Amino acid sequence: MRTAEFVSPKHPDKICDIISDTILDRFLEKDIESKCAIETMGGHGKVWISGEVSSNIEISKEEITDIVYDICGISDVSVNLHNQNKHLYDAVVDGKTNDQGTVIGFAIAENDYFMPFEYEFARQLNRYIYQYYPYDGKTQVTINGNHARIVASFQNSKSQHLSELIDKFFKDSSYNIASQEFVVSEKYCNPLGEWNIGGFDSDTGLSGRKIIVDNYGPRVPTGGNSYSGKDPSKIDRFASYMARKIAIDYLKKYRLMYSMVELSYSIGSDKPIIKRVKGNDTGVQFETGIKLYEIEGYDLSPNAIIDFLELKKPQFAKTSEWGHFGNGFTWDI
């Protein structure tokens, strides 16, 4: 039995992720060497932006306010951005890491997206419903054999229509990733009743709070760090994306059922202190039949990864909307 959830781009935490990454993209559009760590909190008519930025250009409070307003309709914005610590900034300029950290990359041969099956189901169901109700919403899918239990809560939706959409989803070949027919044994549509107040009007959001949704779902461990608002020189970003790329490469190279990559960096280093792949070519149970593989043929220094994956391009607001993996980004191919 496996369970995963997904949230729509209008969930308050996701709104914050999108704001942080949109501001990051704006800096990168004007200066690709910008170094950013931007955090967002918002709710109930107010948005706070804080963090560190080192860049050759400035983005005014008015421009940031316009970005926020375009995303969530709020114009009461507090901006508190400061220069990055020079000691940490100099390390990045020298091609070294300015933090320590461990990241996990993952790929599995359960679908064409190389993502855990239950996670991909929850994501695609959320996308499907979002076409009809582009508001705050959550989906949750529990898979047990060919039986599925579905939870769906969407702002402004009618519960009966939500139930009908779930049935249609399982019959829509353009969304349904299953090769087998599923029996929907239980549906929970707006379990607390229909609702029309969501997003920042209902709850406070915070960037980086949906780490499991941003990664691979609850079946797969994470390094514990978020991505939102962080430029590609941050370990959380360049190493996580490279670990995903390596996981896919090794899955294909050794015809594995799954591959899990661990990269660990020390602060001030230009290469990982730990790099390993574990996988299984006979099943998807992570702790049985494990085989270890050496990571070879990659330059894993920060600058080399950034260049290889083209991470200086403004592209990060899109990663915040529907997950960082399995959406056809450079590191997914």
C-alpha atoms as a PDB file:
ATOM      1  CA  MET A   1       0.000   0.000   0.000  1.00  0.00           C
ATOM      2  CA  ARG A   2       1.404   3.381  -1.020  1.00  0.00           C
ATOM      3  CA  THR A   3       0.121   6.902  -0.501  1.00  0.00           C
ATOM      4  CA  ALA A   4       1.105  10.307  -1.854  1.00  0.00           C
ATOM      5  CA  GLU A   5      -0.446  13.762  -1.956  1.00  0.00           C
ATOM      6  CA  PHE A   6      -0.120  16.765  -4.216  1.00  0.00           C
ATOM      7  CA  VAL A   7      -1.190  20.396  -3.919  1.00  0.00           C
ATOM      8  CA  SER A   8      -2.253  22.854  -6.606  1.00  0.00           C
ATOM      9  CA  PRO A   9      -0.270  26.003  -7.502  1.00  0.00           C
ATOM     10  CA  LYS A  10      -2.870  28.060  -5.604  1.00  0.00           C
ATOM     11  CA  HIS A  11      -2.173  26.345  -2.284  1.00  0.00           C
ATOM     12  CA  PRO A  12      -0.782  29.039   0.083  1.00  0.00           C
ATOM     13  CA  ASP A  13       2.597  27.314   0.509  1.00  0.00           C
ATOM     14  CA  LYS A  14       2.922  26.857  -3.249  1.00  0.00           C
ATOM     15  CA  ILE A  15       2.041  30.504  -3.859  1.00  0.00           C
ATOM     16  CA  CYS A  16       5.004  31.400  -1.645  1.00  0.00           C
ATOM     17  CA  ASP A  17       7.300  29.027  -3.539  1.00  0.00           C
ATOM     18  CA  ILE A  18       6.207  30.544  -6.845  1.00  0.00           C
ATOM     19  CA  ILE A  19       6.752  34.098  -5.574  1.00  0.00           C
ATOM     20  CA  SER A  20      10.272  33.285  -4.346  1.00  0.00           C
ATOM     21  CA  ASP A  21      11.255  31.556  -7.570  1.00  0.00           C
ATOM     22  CA  THR A  22       9.683  34.240  -9.779  1.00  0.00           C
ATOM     23  CA  ILE A  23      11.759  36.898  -8.026  1.00  0.00           C
ATOM     24  CA  LEU A  24      14.812  34.642  -8.464  1.00  0.00           C
ATOM     25  CA  ASP A  25      14.047  34.318 -12.187  1.00  0.00           C
ATOM     26  CA  ARG A  26      13.763  38.094 -12.504  1.00  0.00           C
ATOM     27  CA  PHE A  27      17.243  38.516 -11.021  1.00  0.00           C
ATOM     28  CA  LEU A  28      18.672  35.838 -13.335  1.00  0.00           C
ATOM     29  CA  GLU A  29      17.029  37.479 -16.363  1.00  0.00           C
ATOM     30  CA  LYS A  30      18.999  40.641 -15.671  1.00  0.00           C
ATOM     31  CA  ASP A  31      22.174  39.125 -14.201  1.00  0.00           C
ATOM     32  CA  ILE A  32      22.834  35.388 -14.589  1.00  0.00           C
ATOM     33  CA  GLU A  33      25.437  35.546 -11.823  1.00  0.00           C
ATOM     34  CA  SER A  34      22.902  36.678  -9.216  1.00  0.00           C
ATOM     35  CA  LYS A  35      23.121  34.818  -5.934  1.00  0.00           C
ATOM     36  CA  CYS A  36      19.806  34.595  -4.122  1.00  0.00           C
ATOM     37  CA  ALA A  37      18.212  33.009  -1.088  1.00  0.00           C
ATOM     38  CA  ILE A  38      14.693  34.444  -1.033  1.00  0.00           C
ATOM     39  CA  GLU A  39      12.004  33.411   1.421  1.00  0.00           C
ATOM     40  CA  THR A  40       8.323  34.303   1.244  1.00  0.00           C
ATOM     41  CA  MET A  41       5.531  34.216   3.795  1.00  0.00           C
ATOM     42  CA  GLY A  42       2.035  35.388   3.035  1.00  0.00           C
ATOM     43  CA  GLY A  43      -1.541  35.320   4.163  1.00  0.00           C
ATOM     44  CA  HIS A  44      -4.636  37.366   4.910  1.00  0.00           C
ATOM     45  CA  GLY A  45      -3.808  40.317   2.681  1.00  0.00           C
ATOM     46  CA  LYS A  46      -0.093  40.637   3.442  1.00  0.00           C
ATOM     47  CA  VAL A  47       3.122  39.202   1.953  1.00  0.00           C
ATOM     48  CA  TRP A  48       6.602  39.311   3.477  1.00  0.00           C
ATOM     49  CA  ILE A  49       9.766  38.842   1.388  1.00  0.00           C
ATOM     50  CA  SER A  50      13.063  38.318   3.185  1.00  0.00           C
ATOM     51  CA  GLY A  51      16.488  36.868   2.461  1.00  0.00           C
ATOM     52  CA  GLU A  52      19.844  37.585   0.875  1.00  0.00           C
ATOM     53  CA  VAL A  53      20.722  38.728  -2.632  1.00  0.00           C
ATOM     54  CA  SER A  54      24.064  39.540  -4.272  1.00  0.00           C
ATOM     55  CA  SER A  55      23.665  40.850  -7.792  1.00  0.00           C
ATOM     56  CA  ASN A  56      24.979  43.460 -10.210  1.00  0.00           C
ATOM     57  CA  ILE A  57      21.457  44.756 -10.620  1.00  0.00           C
ATOM     58  CA  GLU A  58      18.722  45.916  -8.295  1.00  0.00           C
ATOM     59  CA  ILE A  59      15.046  45.074  -8.380  1.00  0.00           C
ATOM     60  CA  SER A  60      12.958  47.744  -6.705  1.00  0.00           C
ATOM     61  CA  LYS A  61      10.345  47.159  -4.061  1.00  0.00           C
ATOM     62  CA  GLU A  62       7.797  48.365  -6.596  1.00  0.00           C
ATOM     63  CA  GLU A  63       8.859  45.691  -9.109  1.00  0.00           C
ATOM     64  CA  ILE A  64       8.738  42.978  -6.453  1.00  0.00           C
ATOM     65  CA  THR A  65       5.307  44.215  -5.385  1.00  0.00           C
ATOM     66  CA  ASP A  66       4.141  43.956  -9.000  1.00  0.00           C
ATOM     67  CA  ILE A  67       5.430  40.362  -9.161  1.00  0.00           C
ATOM     68  CA  VAL A  68       3.549  39.469  -5.986  1.00  0.00           C
ATOM     69  CA  TYR A  69       0.372  41.177  -7.162  1.00  0.00           C
ATOM     70  CA  ASP A  70       0.439  39.356 -10.502  1.00  0.00           C
ATOM     71  CA  ILE A  71       0.708  36.013  -8.689  1.00  0.00           C
ATOM     72  CA  CYS A  72      -1.737  36.428  -5.812  1.00  0.00           C
ATOM     73  CA  GLY A  73      -3.451  39.802  -6.096  1.00  0.00           C
ATOM     74  CA  ILE A  74      -1.914  41.268  -2.937  1.00  0.00           C
ATOM     75  CA  SER A  75      -0.241  44.695  -3.017  1.00  0.00           C
ATOM     76  CA  ASP A  76       0.648  45.010   0.682  1.00  0.00           C
ATOM     77  CA  VAL A  77       4.204  43.661   0.445  1.00  0.00           C
ATOM     78  CA  SER A  78       7.064  44.016   2.910  1.00  0.00           C
ATOM     79  CA  VAL A  79      10.534  43.526   1.381  1.00  0.00           C
ATOM     80  CA  ASN A  80      13.572  42.820   3.544  1.00  0.00           C
ATOM     81  CA  LEU A  81      16.398  41.679   1.230  1.00  0.00           C
ATOM     82  CA  HIS A  82      20.042  42.154   2.198  1.00  0.00           C
ATOM     83  CA  ASN A  83      23.440  41.458   0.668  1.00  0.00           C
ATOM     84  CA  GLN A  84      24.699  37.929   1.009  1.00  0.00           C
ATOM     85  CA  ASN A  85      27.392  37.293   3.603  1.00  0.00           C
ATOM     86  CA  LYS A  86      30.671  38.163   1.814  1.00  0.00           C
ATOM     87  CA  HIS A  87      32.485  35.162   3.297  1.00  0.00           C
ATOM     88  CA  LEU A  88      29.898  32.824   1.794  1.00  0.00           C
ATOM     89  CA  TYR A  89      29.668  34.758  -1.459  1.00  0.00           C
ATOM     90  CA  ASP A  90      33.441  34.552  -2.024  1.00  0.00           C
ATOM     91  CA  ALA A  91      33.324  30.764  -1.699  1.00  0.00           C
ATOM     92  CA  VAL A  92      30.798  30.528  -4.555  1.00  0.00           C
ATOM     93  CA  VAL A  93      32.850  32.913  -6.722  1.00  0.00           C
ATOM     94  CA  ASP A  94      35.809  30.567  -6.231  1.00  0.00           C
ATOM     95  CA  GLY A  95      33.722  27.624  -7.453  1.00  0.00           C
ATOM     96  CA  LYS A  96      33.250  26.077  -4.027  1.00  0.00           C
ATOM     97  CA  THR A  97      30.144  25.372  -1.981  1.00  0.00           C
ATOM     98  CA  ASN A  98      29.057  27.899   0.625  1.00  0.00           C
ATOM     99  CA  ASP A  99      27.162  25.374   2.698  1.00  0.00           C
ATOM    100  CA  GLN A 100      27.147  21.723   3.663  1.00  0.00           C
ATOM    101  CA  GLY A 101      24.397  19.347   2.698  1.00  0.00           C
ATOM    102  CA  THR A 102      23.188  15.961   1.530  1.00  0.00           C
ATOM    103  CA  VAL A 103      20.771  15.438  -1.334  1.00  0.00           C
ATOM    104  CA  ILE A 104      18.915  12.442  -2.713  1.00  0.00           C
ATOM    105  CA  GLY A 105      18.212  11.774  -6.379  1.00  0.00           C
ATOM    106  CA  PHE A 106      15.739   9.100  -7.387  1.00  0.00           C
ATOM    107  CA  ALA A 107      14.368   7.359 -10.450  1.00  0.00           C
ATOM    108  CA  ILE A 108      12.101   4.340 -10.764  1.00  0.00           C
ATOM    109  CA  ALA A 109      10.884   2.275 -13.712  1.00  0.00           C
ATOM    110  CA  GLU A 110       7.201   2.419 -12.751  1.00  0.00           C
ATOM    111  CA  ASN A 111       6.175   4.867 -15.495  1.00  0.00           C
ATOM    112  CA  ASP A 112       7.599   6.992 -18.295  1.00  0.00           C
ATOM    113  CA  TYR A 113       8.270   9.837 -15.868  1.00  0.00           C
ATOM    114  CA  PHE A 114      10.625   7.736 -13.700  1.00  0.00           C
ATOM    115  CA  MET A 115       8.620   8.846 -10.673  1.00  0.00           C
ATOM    116  CA  PRO A 116       6.985   6.825  -7.885  1.00  0.00           C
ATOM    117  CA  PHE A 117       3.659   5.572  -9.172  1.00  0.00           C
ATOM    118  CA  GLU A 118       1.474   6.893  -6.354  1.00  0.00           C
ATOM    119  CA  TYR A 119       3.134  10.320  -6.516  1.00  0.00           C
ATOM    120  CA  GLU A 120       2.605  10.632 -10.258  1.00  0.00           C
ATOM    121  CA  PHE A 121      -1.024   9.581  -9.869  1.00  0.00           C
ATOM    122  CA  ALA A 122      -1.649  12.244  -7.212  1.00  0.00           C
ATOM    123  CA  ARG A 123       0.072  14.896  -9.323  1.00  0.00           C
ATOM    124  CA  GLN A 124      -1.750  14.074 -12.547  1.00  0.00           C
ATOM    125  CA  LEU A 125      -5.102  13.883 -10.779  1.00  0.00           C
ATOM    126  CA  ASN A 126      -4.427  17.300  -9.275  1.00  0.00           C
ATOM    127  CA  ARG A 127      -3.544  18.719 -12.696  1.00  0.00           C
ATOM    128  CA  TYR A 128      -6.681  17.208 -14.162  1.00  0.00           C
ATOM    129  CA  ILE A 129      -8.998  18.711 -11.549  1.00  0.00           C
ATOM    130  CA  TYR A 130      -7.135  22.039 -11.692  1.00  0.00           C
ATOM    131  CA  GLN A 131      -8.264  22.455 -15.302  1.00  0.00           C
ATOM    132  CA  TYR A 132     -11.814  22.741 -13.983  1.00  0.00           C
ATOM    133  CA  TYR A 133     -11.089  24.411 -10.637  1.00  0.00           C
ATOM    134  CA  PRO A 134      -7.911  26.555 -10.901  1.00  0.00           C
ATOM    135  CA  TYR A 135      -7.879  27.331  -7.207  1.00  0.00           C
ATOM    136  CA  ASP A 136      -6.457  26.080  -3.938  1.00  0.00           C
ATOM    137  CA  GLY A 137      -6.707  22.308  -3.827  1.00  0.00           C
ATOM    138  CA  LYS A 138      -5.242  19.005  -2.681  1.00  0.00           C
ATOM    139  CA  THR A 139      -5.317  15.435  -3.908  1.00  0.00           C
ATOM    140  CA  GLN A 140      -4.222  12.245  -2.176  1.00  0.00           C
ATOM    141  CA  VAL A 141      -4.018   8.790  -3.701  1.00  0.00           C
ATOM    142  CA  THR A 142      -3.604   5.496  -1.857  1.00  0.00           C
ATOM    143  CA  ILE A 143      -2.820   2.517  -4.082  1.00  0.00           C
ATOM    144  CA  ASN A 144      -3.308  -1.064  -2.896  1.00  0.00           C
ATOM    145  CA  GLY A 145      -2.975  -3.518  -5.774  1.00  0.00           C
ATOM    146  CA  ASN A 146      -5.470  -2.327  -8.377  1.00  0.00           C
ATOM    147  CA  HIS A 147      -7.620  -0.562  -5.780  1.00  0.00           C
ATOM    148  CA  ALA A 148      -7.388   3.177  -5.205  1.00  0.00           C
ATOM    149  CA  ARG A 149      -8.642   5.402  -2.416  1.00  0.00           C
ATOM    150  CA  ILE A 150      -8.909   9.026  -3.455  1.00  0.00           C
ATOM    151  CA  VAL A 151      -9.077  12.217  -1.413  1.00  0.00           C
ATOM    152  CA  ALA A 152      -9.744  15.492  -3.252  1.00  0.00           C
ATOM    153  CA  SER A 153     -10.508  18.910  -1.815  1.00  0.00           C
ATOM    154  CA  PHE A 154     -10.761  21.901  -4.139  1.00  0.00           C
ATOM    155  CA  GLN A 155     -11.892  25.444  -3.502  1.00  0.00           C
ATOM    156  CA  ASN A 156     -15.093  26.446  -5.313  1.00  0.00           C
ATOM    157  CA  SER A 157     -15.770  22.874  -6.442  1.00  0.00           C
ATOM    158  CA  LYS A 158     -19.017  20.986  -6.182  1.00  0.00           C
ATOM    159  CA  SER A 159     -18.456  17.694  -4.396  1.00  0.00           C
ATOM    160  CA  GLN A 160     -20.580  15.708  -6.826  1.00  0.00           C
ATOM    161  CA  HIS A 161     -18.720  17.172  -9.803  1.00  0.00           C
ATOM    162  CA  LEU A 162     -15.406  16.446  -8.078  1.00  0.00           C
ATOM    163  CA  SER A 163     -16.470  12.809  -7.743  1.00  0.00           C
ATOM    164  CA  GLU A 164     -17.385  12.715 -11.426  1.00  0.00           C
ATOM    165  CA  LEU A 165     -14.027  14.230 -12.395  1.00  0.00           C
ATOM    166  CA  ILE A 166     -12.188  11.514 -10.482  1.00  0.00           C
ATOM    167  CA  ASP A 167     -14.093   8.869 -12.424  1.00  0.00           C
ATOM    168  CA  LYS A 168     -13.318  10.640 -15.707  1.00  0.00           C
ATOM    169  CA  PHE A 169      -9.646  10.911 -14.810  1.00  0.00           C
ATOM    170  CA  PHE A 170      -9.295   7.160 -14.504  1.00  0.00           C
ATOM    171  CA  LYS A 171     -10.755   6.792 -17.987  1.00  0.00           C
ATOM    172  CA  ASP A 172      -8.780   9.620 -19.653  1.00  0.00           C
ATOM    173  CA  SER A 173      -5.865   8.041 -21.536  1.00  0.00           C
ATOM    174  CA  SER A 174      -4.061  11.378 -21.853  1.00  0.00           C
ATOM    175  CA  TYR A 175      -3.694  11.568 -18.063  1.00  0.00           C
ATOM    176  CA  ASN A 176      -4.030   8.020 -16.767  1.00  0.00           C
ATOM    177  CA  ILE A 177      -0.535   6.540 -16.391  1.00  0.00           C
ATOM    178  CA  ALA A 178      -1.762   3.103 -15.358  1.00  0.00           C
ATOM    179  CA  SER A 179      -1.482   0.107 -17.661  1.00  0.00           C
ATOM    180  CA  GLN A 180      -4.054  -1.692 -15.532  1.00  0.00           C
ATOM    181  CA  GLU A 181      -7.620  -0.732 -14.703  1.00  0.00           C
ATOM    182  CA  PHE A 182      -8.143   0.621 -11.233  1.00  0.00           C
ATOM    183  CA  VAL A 183     -11.120   0.143  -8.984  1.00  0.00           C
ATOM    184  CA  VAL A 184     -11.823   3.293  -6.997  1.00  0.00           C
ATOM    185  CA  SER A 185     -12.858   1.687  -3.750  1.00  0.00           C
ATOM    186  CA  GLU A 186     -13.365   4.924  -1.800  1.00  0.00           C
ATOM    187  CA  LYS A 187     -13.672   8.605  -2.644  1.00  0.00           C
ATOM    188  CA  TYR A 188     -13.509  11.497  -0.195  1.00  0.00           C
ATOM    189  CA  CYS A 189     -14.562  14.667  -2.008  1.00  0.00           C
ATOM    190  CA  ASN A 190     -14.413  17.829   0.078  1.00  0.00           C
ATOM    191  CA  PRO A 191     -14.664  15.769   3.290  1.00  0.00           C
ATOM    192  CA  LEU A 192     -15.360  18.878   5.407  1.00  0.00           C
ATOM    193  CA  GLY A 193     -17.928  20.178   2.943  1.00  0.00           C
ATOM    194  CA  GLU A 194     -17.754  22.486  -0.052  1.00  0.00           C
ATOM    195  CA  TRP A 195     -15.636  25.596   0.471  1.00  0.00           C
ATOM    196  CA  ASN A 196     -15.003  28.846  -1.361  1.00  0.00           C
ATOM    197  CA  ILE A 197     -12.361  30.571   0.766  1.00  0.00           C
ATOM    198  CA  GLY A 198      -8.846  29.310   0.052  1.00  0.00           C
ATOM    199  CA  GLY A 199      -5.271  30.352  -0.658  1.00  0.00           C
ATOM    200  CA  PHE A 200      -4.010  33.370   1.273  1.00  0.00           C
ATOM    201  CA  ASP A 201      -7.573  34.286   2.244  1.00  0.00           C
ATOM    202  CA  SER A 202      -7.838  31.102   4.279  1.00  0.00           C
ATOM    203  CA  ASP A 203      -4.372  30.258   5.503  1.00  0.00           C
ATOM    204  CA  THR A 204      -0.803  31.484   5.885  1.00  0.00           C
ATOM    205  CA  GLY A 205       1.752  30.093   3.446  1.00  0.00           C
ATOM    206  CA  LEU A 206       5.507  29.714   3.719  1.00  0.00           C
ATOM    207  CA  SER A 207       8.065  28.930   1.025  1.00  0.00           C
ATOM    208  CA  GLY A 208       9.874  25.613   1.288  1.00  0.00           C
ATOM    209  CA  ARG A 209       7.194  23.920   3.372  1.00  0.00           C
ATOM    210  CA  LYS A 210       6.087  21.389   0.733  1.00  0.00           C
ATOM    211  CA  ILE A 211       9.428  19.533   0.536  1.00  0.00           C
ATOM    212  CA  ILE A 212       7.897  16.077   0.021  1.00  0.00           C
ATOM    213  CA  VAL A 213       5.594  17.326  -2.730  1.00  0.00           C
ATOM    214  CA  ASP A 214       8.547  19.070  -4.399  1.00  0.00           C
ATOM    215  CA  ASN A 215      10.548  15.840  -4.410  1.00  0.00           C
ATOM    216  CA  TYR A 216       9.300  12.262  -4.856  1.00  0.00           C
ATOM    217  CA  GLY A 217       6.577  11.744  -2.283  1.00  0.00           C
ATOM    218  CA  PRO A 218       6.768  10.021   1.112  1.00  0.00           C
ATOM    219  CA  ARG A 219       8.198   6.731  -0.182  1.00  0.00           C
ATOM    220  CA  VAL A 220      11.586   8.312  -0.931  1.00  0.00           C
ATOM    221  CA  PRO A 221      13.881   9.987   1.645  1.00  0.00           C
ATOM    222  CA  THR A 222      15.002  13.564   1.013  1.00  0.00           C
ATOM    223  CA  GLY A 223      18.096  15.501   1.955  1.00  0.00           C
ATOM    224  CA  GLY A 224      15.825  17.709   4.039  1.00  0.00           C
ATOM    225  CA  ASN A 225      16.287  20.987   2.181  1.00  0.00           C
ATOM    226  CA  SER A 226      13.946  23.116   0.077  1.00  0.00           C
ATOM    227  CA  TYR A 227      14.576  24.701  -3.317  1.00  0.00           C
ATOM    228  CA  SER A 228      12.444  27.825  -3.491  1.00  0.00           C
ATOM    229  CA  GLY A 229      14.157  31.149  -4.051  1.00  0.00           C
ATOM    230  CA  LYS A 230      17.642  29.638  -4.162  1.00  0.00           C
ATOM    231  CA  ASP A 231      19.950  30.315  -7.078  1.00  0.00           C
ATOM    232  CA  PRO A 232      21.716  27.339  -8.747  1.00  0.00           C
ATOM    233  CA  SER A 233      24.937  27.788  -6.756  1.00  0.00           C
ATOM    234  CA  LYS A 234      23.135  26.439  -3.674  1.00  0.00           C
ATOM    235  CA  ILE A 235      23.700  22.732  -2.913  1.00  0.00           C
ATOM    236  CA  ASP A 236      19.965  22.210  -2.519  1.00  0.00           C
ATOM    237  CA  ARG A 237      19.518  23.115  -6.160  1.00  0.00           C
ATOM    238  CA  PHE A 238      22.526  22.069  -8.231  1.00  0.00           C
ATOM    239  CA  ALA A 239      23.234  18.862  -6.332  1.00  0.00           C
ATOM    240  CA  SER A 240      19.590  17.729  -6.088  1.00  0.00           C
ATOM    241  CA  TYR A 241      19.052  18.202  -9.802  1.00  0.00           C
ATOM    242  CA  MET A 242      22.322  16.451 -10.678  1.00  0.00           C
ATOM    243  CA  ALA A 243      21.467  13.551  -8.378  1.00  0.00           C
ATOM    244  CA  ARG A 244      18.176  13.121 -10.258  1.00  0.00           C
ATOM    245  CA  LYS A 245      20.037  13.165 -13.585  1.00  0.00           C
ATOM    246  CA  ILE A 246      22.491  10.511 -12.402  1.00  0.00           C
ATOM    247  CA  ALA A 247      19.660   8.382 -11.017  1.00  0.00           C
ATOM    248  CA  ILE A 248      17.941   8.339 -14.415  1.00  0.00           C
ATOM    249  CA  ASP A 249      21.213   7.626 -16.231  1.00  0.00           C
ATOM    250  CA  TYR A 250      22.018   4.663 -13.982  1.00  0.00           C
ATOM    251  CA  LEU A 251      18.470   3.347 -14.157  1.00  0.00           C
ATOM    252  CA  LYS A 252      18.831   3.143 -17.930  1.00  0.00           C
ATOM    253  CA  LYS A 253      22.467   2.028 -18.002  1.00  0.00           C
ATOM    254  CA  TYR A 254      22.028  -0.945 -15.654  1.00  0.00           C
ATOM    255  CA  ARG A 255      18.343  -1.593 -16.430  1.00  0.00           C
ATOM    256  CA  LEU A 256      17.391  -1.102 -12.813  1.00  0.00           C
ATOM    257  CA  MET A 257      13.940  -1.110 -11.298  1.00  0.00           C
ATOM    258  CA  TYR A 258      14.976   1.892  -9.226  1.00  0.00           C
ATOM    259  CA  SER A 259      18.109   3.893  -8.475  1.00  0.00           C
ATOM    260  CA  MET A 260      18.810   6.163  -5.533  1.00  0.00           C
ATOM    261  CA  VAL A 261      21.717   8.617  -5.572  1.00  0.00           C
ATOM    262  CA  GLU A 262      23.264  10.295  -2.545  1.00  0.00           C
ATOM    263  CA  LEU A 263      25.558  13.295  -2.883  1.00  0.00           C
ATOM    264  CA  SER A 264      27.044  15.029   0.153  1.00  0.00           C
ATOM    265  CA  TYR A 265      29.154  18.185   0.143  1.00  0.00           C
ATOM    266  CA  SER A 266      31.193  19.912   2.817  1.00  0.00           C
ATOM    267  CA  ILE A 267      31.196  23.681   3.057  1.00  0.00           C
ATOM    268  CA  GLY A 268      34.086  25.095   1.044  1.00  0.00           C
ATOM    269  CA  SER A 269      34.474  21.988  -1.127  1.00  0.00           C
ATOM    270  CA  ASP A 270      34.444  21.717  -4.911  1.00  0.00           C
ATOM    271  CA  LYS A 271      33.516  18.034  -5.041  1.00  0.00           C
ATOM    272  CA  PRO A 272      31.277  15.746  -3.004  1.00  0.00           C
ATOM    273  CA  ILE A 273      32.649  13.957   0.025  1.00  0.00           C
ATOM    274  CA  ILE A 274      30.105  11.165  -0.554  1.00  0.00           C
ATOM    275  CA  LYS A 275      28.794   9.999  -3.933  1.00  0.00           C
ATOM    276  CA  ARG A 276      27.018   6.700  -4.348  1.00  0.00           C
ATOM    277  CA  VAL A 277      24.225   4.956  -6.158  1.00  0.00           C
ATOM    278  CA  LYS A 278      22.195   2.079  -4.838  1.00  0.00           C
ATOM    279  CA  GLY A 279      19.667   0.217  -6.880  1.00  0.00           C
ATOM    280  CA  ASN A 280      17.790  -2.981  -7.502  1.00  0.00           C
ATOM    281  CA  ASP A 281      17.299  -4.784 -10.798  1.00  0.00           C
ATOM    282  CA  THR A 282      14.729  -7.281  -9.519  1.00  0.00           C
ATOM    283  CA  GLY A 283      12.095  -5.231  -7.670  1.00  0.00           C
ATOM    284  CA  VAL A 284      11.191  -1.911  -6.097  1.00  0.00           C
ATOM    285  CA  GLN A 285      11.773  -2.737  -2.412  1.00  0.00           C
ATOM    286  CA  PHE A 286      14.453  -0.273  -1.359  1.00  0.00           C
ATOM    287  CA  GLU A 287      16.029  -2.360   1.378  1.00  0.00           C
ATOM    288  CA  THR A 288      16.268  -5.725  -0.388  1.00  0.00           C
ATOM    289  CA  GLY A 289      18.563  -6.813  -3.180  1.00  0.00           C
ATOM    290  CA  ILE A 290      20.530  -3.565  -2.994  1.00  0.00           C
ATOM    291  CA  LYS A 291      23.440  -3.158  -5.364  1.00  0.00           C
ATOM    292  CA  LEU A 292      25.967  -0.364  -4.997  1.00  0.00           C
ATOM    293  CA  TYR A 293      27.419   1.380  -8.021  1.00  0.00           C
ATOM    294  CA  GLU A 294      30.309   3.797  -8.374  1.00  0.00           C
ATOM    295  CA  ILE A 295      29.467   7.189  -9.828  1.00  0.00           C
ATOM    296  CA  GLU A 296      31.823   7.667 -12.733  1.00  0.00           C
ATOM    297  CA  GLY A 297      32.048   9.940 -15.745  1.00  0.00           C
ATOM    298  CA  TYR A 298      30.622  13.123 -14.191  1.00  0.00           C
ATOM    299  CA  ASP A 299      32.306  16.323 -13.088  1.00  0.00           C
ATOM    300  CA  LEU A 300      30.490  16.959  -9.814  1.00  0.00           C
ATOM    301  CA  SER A 301      31.972  20.339  -9.007  1.00  0.00           C
ATOM    302  CA  PRO A 302      29.316  23.040  -8.541  1.00  0.00           C
ATOM    303  CA  ASN A 303      30.234  25.101 -11.606  1.00  0.00           C
ATOM    304  CA  ALA A 304      30.469  22.055 -13.870  1.00  0.00           C
ATOM    305  CA  ILE A 305      26.999  20.875 -12.798  1.00  0.00           C
ATOM    306  CA  ILE A 306      25.521  24.344 -13.264  1.00  0.00           C
ATOM    307  CA  ASP A 307      26.917  24.502 -16.806  1.00  0.00           C
ATOM    308  CA  PHE A 308      25.984  20.902 -17.661  1.00  0.00           C
ATOM    309  CA  LEU A 309      22.350  21.298 -16.600  1.00  0.00           C
ATOM    310  CA  GLU A 310      22.072  24.906 -17.847  1.00  0.00           C
ATOM    311  CA  LEU A 311      20.943  26.094 -14.443  1.00  0.00           C
ATOM    312  CA  LYS A 312      21.660  29.785 -14.943  1.00  0.00           C
ATOM    313  CA  LYS A 313      18.623  30.096 -17.181  1.00  0.00           C
ATOM    314  CA  PRO A 314      15.548  31.700 -15.584  1.00  0.00           C
ATOM    315  CA  GLN A 315      13.293  28.657 -15.243  1.00  0.00           C
ATOM    316  CA  PHE A 316      12.592  28.141 -11.594  1.00  0.00           C
ATOM    317  CA  ALA A 317       9.065  29.507 -11.232  1.00  0.00           C
ATOM    318  CA  LYS A 318       7.946  26.568 -13.376  1.00  0.00           C
ATOM    319  CA  THR A 319       9.615  24.085 -11.033  1.00  0.00           C
ATOM    320  CA  SER A 320       7.551  25.482  -8.152  1.00  0.00           C
ATOM    321  CA  GLU A 321       4.201  24.841  -9.817  1.00  0.00           C
ATOM    322  CA  TRP A 322       4.054  21.077 -10.405  1.00  0.00           C
ATOM    323  CA  GLY A 323       7.133  19.581  -8.781  1.00  0.00           C
ATOM    324  CA  HIS A 324      10.832  19.676  -9.548  1.00  0.00           C
ATOM    325  CA  PHE A 325      11.097  16.214 -11.075  1.00  0.00           C
ATOM    326  CA  GLY A 326       9.283  14.314 -13.798  1.00  0.00           C
ATOM    327  CA  ASN A 327       8.310  17.421 -15.768  1.00  0.00           C
ATOM    328  CA  GLY A 328      10.808  17.266 -18.631  1.00  0.00           C
ATOM    329  CA  PHE A 329      13.446  19.596 -17.222  1.00  0.00           C
ATOM    330  CA  THR A 330      17.099  19.169 -18.245  1.00  0.00           C
ATOM    331  CA  TRP A 331      17.765  16.967 -15.223  1.00  0.00           C
ATOM    332  CA  ASP A 332      14.803  14.691 -16.102  1.00  0.00           C
ATOM    333  CA  ILE A 333      16.180  13.624 -19.486  1.00  0.00           C
END
